[in-house]
N, C-alpha and C. Protein backbone atom coordinates (compact mmCIF):
# COMPACT_ATOMS: atom_id res chain seq x y z
N MET A 1 -0.25 -1.27 2.05
CA MET A 1 -0.06 -2.84 1.79
C MET A 1 0.65 -3.40 2.54
N GLN A 2 0.29 -4.73 2.73
CA GLN A 2 0.94 -5.67 3.42
C GLN A 2 1.98 -6.42 2.88
N ARG A 3 3.18 -5.66 2.52
CA ARG A 3 4.14 -6.09 1.84
C ARG A 3 4.57 -7.45 2.77
N GLU A 4 4.19 -7.48 4.04
CA GLU A 4 5.18 -8.56 4.94
C GLU A 4 4.42 -10.04 4.36
N TYR A 5 3.24 -9.83 4.12
CA TYR A 5 2.52 -11.17 3.38
C TYR A 5 3.21 -11.60 2.04
N VAL A 6 3.44 -10.63 1.35
CA VAL A 6 4.15 -10.99 -0.01
C VAL A 6 5.60 -11.81 0.35
N GLU A 7 6.15 -10.90 1.14
CA GLU A 7 7.54 -11.38 1.77
C GLU A 7 7.64 -12.89 2.26
N ALA A 8 6.61 -12.91 2.74
CA ALA A 8 6.21 -14.64 3.40
C ALA A 8 5.92 -15.40 2.73
N GLY A 9 5.69 -15.14 1.57
CA GLY A 9 5.31 -16.02 0.35
C GLY A 9 3.83 -15.90 -0.08
N GLY A 10 3.23 -14.82 0.08
CA GLY A 10 1.99 -14.81 -0.52
C GLY A 10 2.42 -14.36 -2.43
N LEU A 11 1.42 -14.25 -2.91
CA LEU A 11 1.57 -14.21 -4.51
C LEU A 11 1.58 -12.24 -4.66
N MET A 12 0.39 -11.84 -4.43
CA MET A 12 0.40 -10.41 -4.70
C MET A 12 -0.26 -9.49 -3.40
N SER A 13 0.01 -8.25 -3.17
CA SER A 13 -0.68 -7.56 -2.18
C SER A 13 -0.73 -6.16 -3.04
N TYR A 14 -2.19 -5.72 -2.74
CA TYR A 14 -2.30 -4.55 -3.46
C TYR A 14 -3.36 -3.56 -2.19
N GLY A 15 -2.91 -2.62 -2.06
CA GLY A 15 -3.24 -1.78 -0.79
C GLY A 15 -3.05 -0.35 -0.74
N PRO A 16 -3.74 0.34 0.31
CA PRO A 16 -2.90 1.51 0.47
C PRO A 16 -1.56 1.82 1.15
N ASN A 17 -0.99 2.71 0.72
CA ASN A 17 0.40 2.97 1.50
C ASN A 17 0.19 3.35 3.00
N PHE A 18 0.76 2.57 3.79
CA PHE A 18 0.52 2.90 5.28
C PHE A 18 1.34 4.04 5.61
N PRO A 19 2.51 4.13 5.20
CA PRO A 19 3.49 5.02 5.81
C PRO A 19 2.57 6.61 5.25
N ASP A 20 2.32 6.69 4.03
CA ASP A 20 1.60 7.87 3.47
C ASP A 20 0.02 8.21 4.59
N LEU A 21 -0.43 6.99 4.81
CA LEU A 21 -1.71 7.21 5.94
C LEU A 21 -1.33 7.76 7.14
N ASN A 22 -0.16 7.18 7.58
CA ASN A 22 0.28 7.86 9.04
C ASN A 22 0.52 9.13 8.78
N ARG A 23 1.44 9.44 7.88
CA ARG A 23 1.84 10.78 7.46
C ARG A 23 0.38 11.79 7.58
N ARG A 24 -0.26 11.22 6.81
CA ARG A 24 -1.82 12.28 6.64
C ARG A 24 -2.60 12.33 8.16
N ALA A 25 -2.52 11.16 8.95
CA ALA A 25 -3.23 10.94 10.29
C ALA A 25 -2.44 12.10 11.20
N ALA A 26 -1.03 12.25 10.87
CA ALA A 26 -0.43 13.45 11.77
C ALA A 26 -0.92 14.75 11.27
N ASP A 27 -1.16 14.84 10.24
CA ASP A 27 -1.35 16.18 9.57
C ASP A 27 -2.94 16.61 10.29
N TYR A 28 -3.97 15.62 10.42
CA TYR A 28 -5.20 15.36 11.36
C TYR A 28 -4.99 16.10 12.72
N VAL A 29 -3.88 15.05 13.26
CA VAL A 29 -3.54 15.69 14.74
C VAL A 29 -2.93 17.03 14.86
N ASP A 30 -2.17 17.35 13.96
CA ASP A 30 -1.67 18.76 13.94
C ASP A 30 -2.60 19.84 13.79
N LYS A 31 -3.71 19.77 12.97
CA LYS A 31 -4.88 20.51 12.91
C LYS A 31 -5.71 20.53 14.09
N VAL A 32 -5.87 19.27 14.74
CA VAL A 32 -6.61 19.44 15.97
C VAL A 32 -5.86 20.25 17.23
N LEU A 33 -4.52 19.90 17.30
CA LEU A 33 -3.88 20.46 18.14
C LEU A 33 -3.75 22.16 18.11
N ARG A 34 -3.97 22.33 16.82
CA ARG A 34 -3.73 23.93 16.50
C ARG A 34 -5.14 24.82 16.39
N GLY A 35 -6.13 23.82 17.18
CA GLY A 35 -7.41 24.31 17.45
C GLY A 35 -8.67 24.08 16.60
N ALA A 36 -8.32 23.42 15.61
CA ALA A 36 -9.54 23.08 14.49
C ALA A 36 -10.54 22.12 15.16
N LYS A 37 -11.36 22.03 14.81
CA LYS A 37 -12.89 21.32 15.41
C LYS A 37 -12.58 19.78 14.58
N PRO A 38 -12.59 18.84 15.25
CA PRO A 38 -12.72 17.69 14.36
C PRO A 38 -13.68 17.38 13.27
N ALA A 39 -14.79 18.03 13.86
CA ALA A 39 -15.83 17.73 12.91
C ALA A 39 -15.83 18.41 11.75
N ASP A 40 -15.01 19.90 11.77
CA ASP A 40 -14.76 20.42 10.49
C ASP A 40 -13.64 19.99 9.65
N ILE A 41 -13.03 19.12 9.96
CA ILE A 41 -11.88 18.32 9.04
C ILE A 41 -12.34 17.43 8.38
N PRO A 42 -12.51 17.49 6.98
CA PRO A 42 -12.95 16.48 6.13
C PRO A 42 -12.29 15.29 6.10
N VAL A 43 -13.11 14.20 5.99
CA VAL A 43 -12.56 12.83 6.00
C VAL A 43 -11.99 12.60 4.45
N GLU A 44 -10.90 11.89 4.61
CA GLU A 44 -10.06 11.83 3.28
C GLU A 44 -10.09 10.48 2.88
N GLN A 45 -9.98 9.91 1.87
CA GLN A 45 -9.81 8.38 1.38
C GLN A 45 -8.35 8.33 0.96
N PRO A 46 -7.68 7.08 1.05
CA PRO A 46 -6.39 6.82 0.64
C PRO A 46 -6.19 7.22 -1.21
N THR A 47 -5.24 7.85 -1.06
CA THR A 47 -4.98 8.33 -2.23
C THR A 47 -3.46 7.53 -3.04
N LYS A 48 -2.84 7.20 -2.19
CA LYS A 48 -1.64 6.27 -2.93
C LYS A 48 -1.91 4.91 -2.43
N PHE A 49 -2.01 3.90 -3.40
CA PHE A 49 -1.89 2.35 -3.25
C PHE A 49 -0.36 1.73 -3.99
N ASP A 50 -0.14 0.88 -3.26
CA ASP A 50 1.30 -0.22 -3.66
C ASP A 50 0.80 -1.38 -4.31
N LEU A 51 1.46 -1.89 -5.15
CA LEU A 51 1.29 -3.33 -5.54
C LEU A 51 2.86 -3.98 -5.37
N ALA A 52 2.70 -5.04 -4.79
CA ALA A 52 3.82 -6.04 -4.67
C ALA A 52 3.34 -7.19 -5.29
N VAL A 53 4.45 -7.92 -5.77
CA VAL A 53 4.24 -9.20 -6.64
C VAL A 53 5.45 -10.19 -6.30
N ASN A 54 5.31 -11.28 -5.76
CA ASN A 54 6.26 -12.39 -5.73
C ASN A 54 6.39 -13.22 -6.76
N LEU A 55 7.40 -13.05 -7.70
CA LEU A 55 7.82 -13.81 -8.67
C LEU A 55 8.20 -15.39 -8.16
N ILE A 56 8.82 -15.49 -7.05
CA ILE A 56 9.13 -17.12 -6.71
C ILE A 56 7.83 -18.00 -6.18
N THR A 57 6.56 -17.11 -5.66
CA THR A 57 5.78 -17.91 -5.31
C THR A 57 4.95 -18.01 -6.68
N ALA A 58 5.00 -17.07 -7.77
CA ALA A 58 4.30 -17.18 -8.90
C ALA A 58 4.97 -18.36 -9.65
N ARG A 59 6.19 -18.42 -9.84
CA ARG A 59 6.91 -19.74 -10.26
C ARG A 59 6.46 -21.02 -9.72
N ALA A 60 6.40 -21.09 -8.56
CA ALA A 60 6.39 -22.10 -7.72
C ALA A 60 4.85 -22.56 -8.17
N LEU A 61 3.88 -21.77 -8.23
CA LEU A 61 2.35 -22.14 -8.44
C LEU A 61 2.17 -22.39 -10.16
N GLY A 62 3.36 -22.09 -10.76
CA GLY A 62 3.11 -22.17 -12.26
C GLY A 62 2.35 -21.13 -13.06
N ILE A 63 2.47 -20.02 -12.34
CA ILE A 63 1.88 -18.67 -12.65
C ILE A 63 2.58 -17.81 -13.38
N THR A 64 2.10 -17.47 -14.60
CA THR A 64 2.89 -16.39 -15.51
C THR A 64 2.43 -15.14 -14.98
N VAL A 65 3.34 -14.31 -14.69
CA VAL A 65 2.58 -12.82 -14.54
C VAL A 65 3.19 -12.13 -15.68
N PRO A 66 1.95 -11.30 -16.18
CA PRO A 66 2.17 -10.31 -17.34
C PRO A 66 2.94 -9.32 -17.13
N PRO A 67 3.88 -9.24 -18.09
CA PRO A 67 5.09 -8.13 -18.19
C PRO A 67 4.10 -6.62 -17.74
N THR A 68 3.02 -6.56 -18.24
CA THR A 68 2.44 -5.05 -17.87
C THR A 68 2.15 -5.05 -16.30
N LEU A 69 1.72 -6.19 -15.94
CA LEU A 69 1.63 -5.97 -14.20
C LEU A 69 2.77 -5.77 -13.56
N LEU A 70 3.67 -6.61 -14.19
CA LEU A 70 4.88 -6.46 -13.51
C LEU A 70 5.74 -4.93 -13.48
N ALA A 71 5.38 -4.13 -14.62
CA ALA A 71 5.61 -2.98 -14.88
C ALA A 71 5.07 -1.89 -14.05
N ARG A 72 3.86 -2.39 -13.76
CA ARG A 72 2.93 -1.18 -12.85
C ARG A 72 3.22 -1.59 -11.47
N ALA A 73 3.71 -2.76 -10.95
CA ALA A 73 4.27 -3.14 -9.73
C ALA A 73 5.39 -2.04 -8.82
N ASP A 74 4.84 -1.85 -7.81
CA ASP A 74 5.89 -0.75 -7.03
C ASP A 74 7.10 -1.70 -6.50
N GLU A 75 6.91 -3.03 -6.23
CA GLU A 75 7.83 -3.75 -5.62
C GLU A 75 7.74 -5.13 -6.22
N VAL A 76 8.72 -5.95 -6.53
CA VAL A 76 8.81 -7.29 -7.35
C VAL A 76 9.81 -7.78 -6.54
N ILE A 77 9.26 -9.14 -5.92
CA ILE A 77 10.37 -10.14 -5.42
C ILE A 77 10.70 -11.25 -6.04
N GLU A 78 12.32 -11.24 -6.66
CA GLU A 78 12.49 -12.23 -7.47
C GLU A 78 13.11 -13.21 -6.76
């Protein structure tokens, strides 16, 4: 997730969790260093996604963010 954009005034951000992707990339490196052939390692899609909402920006734009969306958000900036 590009949390920085939301902190800088963006309304919302939804995307893969980069620390999780980095950990998974380290698993790939570990497998290769242990002798696995890169062609034999399956390609994986991101599985963990984060949602961040900036309520300060929403108020400035006159947008009401539904409570159900706020409940699902991983981070809410107030």
